Amino acid sequence: MRFRDLDENGAAQYMLQTPRSADEGLGVFVTPNIQHIALARKDDEFNRALASAQIIVADGFPVYRFAKLRGLSLPGRVAGRAVIERMFADPAALAGHRGFFVVDSRATAEGIECWLNDFAPAFAVETLVPPFGFEKDAAYCRSLADAISTFDATLIFLCIGAPKSELFAYRYRALLPPAWALCVGQSFRLLLGMNAPPPDLMVRLNLEWLWRIVLEPRRMLQRYGPNQLRNILDDAGGLLKPAASLSPRDDLFAAGLTSFKTVGVMLAIEEEFDVVFPDQLLTRATFSSIAALTAAIESIRGDADAA
């Protein structure tokens, strides 16, 4: 991956002021963190999707520090949330643009529509909430790409999380219009106040992960219990004995789980439970027991369940 030496405002202004030509086609903006890197090491297609992006900036602090240690001259961390804030700071800068938003829920879509109709009336807006599992339906994805192209979008905001956003842009780039596609996760929910942003001090100390943990409620999983986790551990964990024989607090590493196998377990959990592991949960402690994994999924799903 080639990181761009753009800060948050520079990235925002570049995409607002540098339209894509028909010959250039789709331009993609990605903000990899440590989770993206872990996924890319396991998934060749996702690795290609990240590497092919036109603007790559280091969002996660570990990624930024690693890039600096490798001698890259970067202006600092570039959070997708902050880039979006700067893009939408001045409604005049949006005039003439057409924004298509692919988002996670109807509540997010309605929030974006109401806000932008009032804040930037000259900015054409279309929103869409794809069905669960849409990324596996090639026909639906082609129809989505066609809808975006028909709308003649100049800015495409993919707010459906990694790796879905990046893979959609990569797989269907030939069908998408010459525009900027921004893979920016929950950035608009933060901008609209639907998710509370971290205090400035926590941002400066790179403790956003701690703020999110404080906000996320710990509730028992009602739809997804430990049985699904045991099935995943049997399929992907390489345990020395059936997961059904383990208690919720038994040490999974003592039962045969390895650091390498945790990647497969993580990807299977994300697929089964429709969650994305944030940076702060990519630790040995998270995968130490069925109880720890259950708590991790509860924390990730907390905001989504509350919404």
Protein backbone atom coordinates (compact mmCIF):
# COMPACT_ATOMS: atom_id res chain seq x y z
CA MET A 1 0.00 0.00 0.00
CA ARG A 2 1.20 3.49 -0.83
CA PHE A 3 0.11 6.02 1.79
CA ARG A 4 -0.58 9.58 0.63
CA ASP A 5 1.02 12.47 2.49
CA LEU A 6 -2.30 14.26 2.94
CA ASP A 7 -3.66 15.50 6.24
CA GLU A 8 -7.38 15.47 7.02
CA ASN A 9 -8.15 18.81 5.42
CA GLY A 10 -5.89 18.10 2.46
CA ALA A 11 -7.65 14.82 1.72
CA ALA A 12 -11.07 16.47 2.01
CA GLN A 13 -10.22 19.39 -0.26
CA TYR A 14 -8.48 17.18 -2.80
CA MET A 15 -11.58 15.07 -3.34
CA LEU A 16 -13.89 18.09 -3.41
CA GLN A 17 -11.74 20.00 -5.88
CA THR A 18 -10.35 17.21 -8.08
CA PRO A 19 -13.16 15.60 -10.06
CA ARG A 20 -12.54 12.22 -11.65
CA SER A 21 -12.51 12.12 -15.44
CA ALA A 22 -14.15 9.45 -17.56
CA ASP A 23 -10.70 8.13 -18.47
CA GLU A 24 -9.66 7.94 -14.81
CA GLY A 25 -12.85 6.25 -13.67
CA LEU A 26 -13.59 5.58 -10.03
CA GLY A 27 -11.24 6.89 -7.35
CA VAL A 28 -11.30 5.20 -3.95
CA PHE A 29 -10.46 6.64 -0.52
CA VAL A 30 -9.62 4.20 2.30
CA THR A 31 -8.48 4.69 5.89
CA PRO A 32 -6.87 1.42 7.02
CA ASN A 33 -6.43 0.58 10.68
CA ILE A 34 -4.90 -2.52 12.22
CA GLN A 35 -8.04 -4.54 11.55
CA HIS A 36 -7.81 -3.74 7.82
CA ILE A 37 -4.21 -4.93 7.81
CA ALA A 38 -5.13 -8.18 9.57
CA LEU A 39 -7.93 -8.81 7.08
CA ALA A 40 -5.71 -7.98 4.12
CA ARG A 41 -3.11 -10.54 5.22
CA LYS A 42 -5.79 -13.22 5.15
CA ASP A 43 -7.87 -12.11 2.17
CA ASP A 44 -6.00 -11.56 -1.09
CA GLU A 45 -8.93 -9.79 -2.75
CA PHE A 46 -9.28 -7.35 0.14
CA ASN A 47 -5.52 -6.76 0.01
CA ARG A 48 -5.81 -5.92 -3.70
CA ALA A 49 -8.79 -3.67 -3.00
CA LEU A 50 -6.81 -1.63 -0.47
CA ALA A 51 -3.68 -1.50 -2.61
CA SER A 52 -5.63 -0.29 -5.65
CA ALA A 53 -7.17 2.70 -3.84
CA GLN A 54 -6.17 6.12 -5.13
CA ILE A 55 -5.98 7.72 -1.68
CA ILE A 56 -4.74 5.62 1.25
CA VAL A 57 -4.24 7.30 4.62
CA ALA A 58 -3.30 5.83 8.00
CA ASP A 59 -6.29 5.96 10.34
CA GLY A 60 -5.28 3.58 13.11
CA PHE A 61 -2.47 4.73 15.40
CA PRO A 62 -0.55 1.41 15.11
CA VAL A 63 -0.63 1.69 11.30
CA TYR A 64 0.58 5.28 11.45
CA ARG A 65 3.40 4.39 13.86
CA PHE A 66 4.46 1.45 11.70
CA ALA A 67 4.52 3.67 8.60
CA LYS A 68 6.68 6.21 10.42
CA LEU A 69 9.06 3.49 11.58
CA ARG A 70 9.39 2.42 7.95
CA GLY A 71 10.57 5.92 7.11
CA LEU A 72 7.40 7.25 5.50
CA SER A 73 6.86 10.98 5.86
CA LEU A 74 3.23 11.32 6.90
CA PRO A 75 1.59 14.43 8.38
CA GLY A 76 -0.15 12.37 11.07
CA ARG A 77 -3.09 10.08 11.55
CA VAL A 78 -5.97 10.78 9.19
CA ALA A 79 -9.30 9.64 10.61
CA GLY A 80 -12.17 9.12 8.20
CA ARG A 81 -14.44 10.89 10.68
CA ALA A 82 -12.28 14.03 10.57
CA VAL A 83 -12.06 14.00 6.75
CA ILE A 84 -15.86 13.90 6.54
CA GLU A 85 -16.16 16.76 9.04
CA ARG A 86 -13.91 18.90 6.85
CA MET A 87 -15.65 17.97 3.60
CA PHE A 88 -18.97 19.06 5.07
CA ALA A 89 -17.76 22.15 6.92
CA ASP A 90 -18.79 24.56 4.14
CA PRO A 91 -21.98 23.97 2.12
CA ALA A 92 -20.64 26.14 -0.70
CA ALA A 93 -17.86 23.60 -1.31
CA LEU A 94 -20.49 20.93 -1.97
CA ALA A 95 -22.41 22.91 -4.58
CA GLY A 96 -22.41 21.09 -7.90
CA HIS A 97 -21.55 17.75 -6.32
CA ARG A 98 -23.91 14.80 -6.23
CA GLY A 99 -23.64 12.48 -3.23
CA PHE A 100 -24.84 8.88 -3.09
CA PHE A 101 -24.84 7.38 0.43
CA VAL A 102 -24.87 3.61 1.01
CA VAL A 103 -25.58 3.32 4.73
CA ASP A 104 -26.25 0.82 7.50
CA SER A 105 -29.80 1.72 8.54
CA ARG A 106 -32.88 3.73 7.68
CA ALA A 107 -32.22 5.93 10.71
CA THR A 108 -28.81 6.89 9.31
CA ALA A 109 -30.29 7.54 5.86
CA GLU A 110 -33.05 9.77 7.22
CA GLY A 111 -30.59 11.66 9.40
CA ILE A 112 -28.35 12.39 6.40
CA GLU A 113 -31.27 13.43 4.19
CA CYS A 114 -32.82 15.80 6.75
CA TRP A 115 -29.50 17.38 7.64
CA LEU A 116 -28.25 17.94 4.09
CA ASN A 117 -31.57 19.17 2.72
CA ASP A 118 -31.28 22.00 5.24
CA PHE A 119 -27.49 22.45 5.43
CA ALA A 120 -26.53 22.13 1.75
CA PRO A 121 -29.61 22.41 -0.50
CA ALA A 122 -27.42 22.73 -3.61
CA PHE A 123 -25.89 19.32 -2.88
CA ALA A 124 -27.89 16.56 -4.58
CA VAL A 125 -28.39 13.61 -2.21
CA GLU A 126 -29.53 10.00 -2.61
CA THR A 127 -29.43 7.36 0.14
CA LEU A 128 -29.81 3.60 0.09
CA VAL A 129 -29.81 0.89 2.76
CA PRO A 130 -28.75 -2.44 1.20
CA PRO A 131 -30.24 -5.67 2.57
CA PHE A 132 -28.30 -7.89 4.93
CA GLY A 133 -25.82 -10.04 3.01
CA PHE A 134 -26.08 -7.94 -0.16
CA GLU A 135 -22.35 -8.30 -0.83
CA LYS A 136 -22.89 -11.99 -1.66
CA ASP A 137 -25.52 -11.19 -4.30
CA ALA A 138 -23.72 -10.17 -7.48
CA ALA A 139 -26.95 -9.27 -9.27
CA TYR A 140 -27.98 -6.93 -6.46
CA CYS A 141 -24.52 -5.36 -6.35
CA ARG A 142 -24.64 -4.71 -10.08
CA SER A 143 -28.06 -3.07 -9.69
CA LEU A 144 -26.68 -0.93 -6.86
CA ALA A 145 -23.74 0.14 -9.01
CA ASP A 146 -26.19 0.94 -11.82
CA ALA A 147 -28.32 3.06 -9.46
CA ILE A 148 -25.25 5.01 -8.38
CA SER A 149 -24.22 5.53 -11.99
CA THR A 150 -27.73 6.56 -13.05
CA PHE A 151 -27.75 9.15 -10.26
CA ASP A 152 -24.51 10.49 -11.79
CA ALA A 153 -22.79 10.65 -8.42
CA THR A 154 -19.56 12.58 -8.03
CA LEU A 155 -19.12 11.52 -4.39
CA ILE A 156 -20.04 8.01 -3.21
CA PHE A 157 -20.09 7.43 0.54
CA LEU A 158 -19.84 3.75 1.45
CA CYS A 159 -20.82 3.59 5.13
CA ILE A 160 -21.24 -0.17 5.52
CA GLY A 161 -17.95 -1.12 7.16
CA ALA A 162 -14.88 -3.08 6.15
CA PRO A 163 -14.42 -5.16 4.13
CA LYS A 164 -17.85 -4.65 2.49
CA SER A 165 -17.25 -1.06 1.40
CA GLU A 166 -13.80 -1.62 -0.06
CA LEU A 167 -14.76 -4.86 -1.81
CA PHE A 168 -17.88 -3.34 -3.38
CA ALA A 169 -15.87 -0.45 -4.82
CA TYR A 170 -13.16 -2.83 -6.04
CA ARG A 171 -15.43 -5.45 -7.61
CA TYR A 172 -17.81 -3.07 -9.35
CA ARG A 173 -15.51 -0.16 -10.17
CA ALA A 174 -16.04 -0.66 -13.91
CA LEU A 175 -19.80 -0.16 -13.44
CA LEU A 176 -19.51 2.86 -11.15
CA PRO A 177 -19.30 6.44 -12.44
CA PRO A 178 -16.11 8.54 -12.49
CA ALA A 179 -16.42 9.70 -8.89
CA TRP A 180 -14.73 9.51 -5.51
CA ALA A 181 -15.84 6.53 -3.42
CA LEU A 182 -15.12 7.07 0.26
CA CYS A 183 -15.08 4.04 2.58
CA VAL A 184 -15.84 5.83 5.83
CA GLY A 185 -17.76 3.45 8.11
CA GLN A 186 -19.65 5.17 10.93
CA SER A 187 -18.33 8.68 10.16
CA PHE A 188 -21.72 10.19 9.38
CA ARG A 189 -23.33 8.73 12.48
CA LEU A 190 -20.61 10.50 14.47
CA LEU A 191 -21.08 13.73 12.52
CA LEU A 192 -24.84 13.67 13.11
CA GLY A 193 -24.47 12.93 16.81
CA MET A 194 -26.03 9.47 16.47
CA ASN A 195 -22.82 8.07 17.97
CA ALA A 196 -21.08 10.18 20.61
CA PRO A 197 -17.60 11.27 19.43
CA PRO A 198 -14.63 10.80 21.76
CA PRO A 199 -13.42 13.82 23.76
CA ASP A 200 -10.49 15.75 22.29
CA LEU A 201 -8.16 14.55 25.05
CA MET A 202 -8.84 10.91 24.20
CA VAL A 203 -8.22 11.63 20.52
CA ARG A 204 -4.88 13.28 21.34
CA LEU A 205 -3.91 10.31 23.50
CA ASN A 206 -5.07 7.80 20.86
CA LEU A 207 -7.64 6.41 23.30
CA GLU A 208 -10.74 6.48 21.07
CA TRP A 209 -11.00 2.73 21.57
CA LEU A 210 -11.41 3.22 25.33
CA TRP A 211 -14.15 5.79 24.79
CA ARG A 212 -16.10 3.38 22.58
CA ILE A 213 -15.82 0.63 25.18
CA VAL A 214 -17.17 2.97 27.88
CA LEU A 215 -20.17 3.84 25.71
CA GLU A 216 -21.05 0.32 24.58
CA PRO A 217 -23.46 -1.53 26.91
CA ARG A 218 -22.78 -5.09 28.02
CA ARG A 219 -25.88 -7.14 27.37
CA MET A 220 -26.53 -10.84 27.01
CA LEU A 221 -26.77 -11.91 23.40
CA GLN A 222 -30.37 -12.92 22.75
CA ARG A 223 -30.18 -14.00 19.14
CA TYR A 224 -26.60 -15.28 19.20
CA GLY A 225 -25.51 -17.53 22.03
CA PRO A 226 -22.32 -19.46 22.78
CA ASN A 227 -23.43 -22.41 20.61
CA GLN A 228 -22.66 -20.45 17.44
CA LEU A 229 -19.26 -19.58 18.86
CA ARG A 230 -18.55 -23.23 19.61
CA ASN A 231 -19.45 -24.15 16.02
CA ILE A 232 -17.07 -21.50 14.72
CA LEU A 233 -14.29 -22.67 17.04
CA ASP A 234 -14.77 -26.25 15.83
CA ASP A 235 -14.64 -25.16 12.18
CA ALA A 236 -11.90 -22.53 12.28
CA GLY A 237 -10.12 -22.76 15.62
CA GLY A 238 -8.17 -25.99 15.22
CA LEU A 239 -8.96 -27.03 18.80
CA LEU A 240 -7.64 -30.29 20.22
CA LYS A 241 -11.08 -31.24 21.54
CA PRO A 242 -14.69 -30.35 20.68
CA ALA A 243 -15.69 -26.86 21.74
CA ALA A 244 -18.87 -28.32 23.24
CA SER A 245 -16.72 -29.86 25.98
CA LEU A 246 -15.39 -26.46 27.05
CA SER A 247 -16.94 -24.24 29.69
CA PRO A 248 -17.44 -20.53 28.86
CA ARG A 249 -14.29 -19.60 30.80
CA ASP A 250 -11.96 -22.41 29.71
CA ASP A 251 -8.71 -21.18 28.15
CA LEU A 252 -9.07 -21.55 24.37
CA PHE A 253 -5.31 -21.30 23.82
CA ALA A 254 -4.75 -24.17 26.23
CA ALA A 255 -7.36 -26.06 24.17
CA GLY A 256 -5.31 -25.65 20.99
CA LEU A 257 -6.20 -22.23 19.57
CA THR A 258 -3.16 -20.48 18.07
CA SER A 259 -2.52 -16.84 17.25
CA PHE A 260 -2.64 -17.72 13.55
CA LYS A 261 -6.01 -19.45 13.94
CA THR A 262 -7.53 -16.45 15.73
CA VAL A 263 -7.64 -14.63 12.38
CA GLY A 264 -9.89 -17.30 10.88
CA VAL A 265 -12.03 -17.33 14.02
CA MET A 266 -12.36 -13.54 13.87
CA LEU A 267 -13.40 -13.54 10.21
CA ALA A 268 -15.94 -16.32 10.82
CA ILE A 269 -17.44 -14.43 13.78
CA GLU A 270 -17.70 -11.25 11.70
CA GLU A 271 -19.51 -13.18 8.98
CA GLU A 272 -21.84 -15.06 11.35
CA PHE A 273 -22.74 -12.15 13.64
CA ASP A 274 -22.46 -9.29 11.11
CA VAL A 275 -19.96 -7.39 13.25
CA VAL A 276 -16.55 -5.84 12.67
CA PHE A 277 -13.87 -6.17 15.34
CA PRO A 278 -12.43 -2.74 16.23
CA ASP A 279 -8.73 -2.28 16.89
CA GLN A 280 -9.03 -2.38 20.66
CA LEU A 281 -10.50 -5.89 20.62
CA LEU A 282 -7.80 -7.46 18.44
CA THR A 283 -5.98 -8.85 21.47
CA ARG A 284 -5.17 -12.26 22.90
CA ALA A 285 -7.53 -11.57 25.81
CA THR A 286 -10.50 -11.20 23.45
CA PHE A 287 -9.97 -14.73 22.12
CA SER A 288 -9.01 -16.30 25.45
CA SER A 289 -12.39 -17.90 26.18
CA ILE A 290 -15.95 -18.27 24.93
CA ALA A 291 -17.03 -15.84 27.65
CA ALA A 292 -14.51 -13.24 26.45
CA LEU A 293 -15.65 -13.62 22.83
CA THR A 294 -19.28 -13.28 23.90
CA ALA A 295 -18.47 -10.07 25.78
CA ALA A 296 -16.62 -8.72 22.74
CA ILE A 297 -19.59 -9.34 20.44
CA GLU A 298 -21.91 -7.71 22.99
CA SER A 299 -19.77 -4.58 23.03
CA ILE A 300 -19.59 -4.37 19.23
CA ARG A 301 -23.32 -4.85 18.80
CA GLY A 302 -24.25 -2.48 21.62
CA ASP A 303 -24.76 0.65 19.53
CA ALA A 304 -26.46 -1.22 16.69
CA ASP A 305 -28.94 -2.86 19.08
CA ALA A 306 -29.67 0.46 20.79
CA ALA A 307 -30.39 2.07 17.41
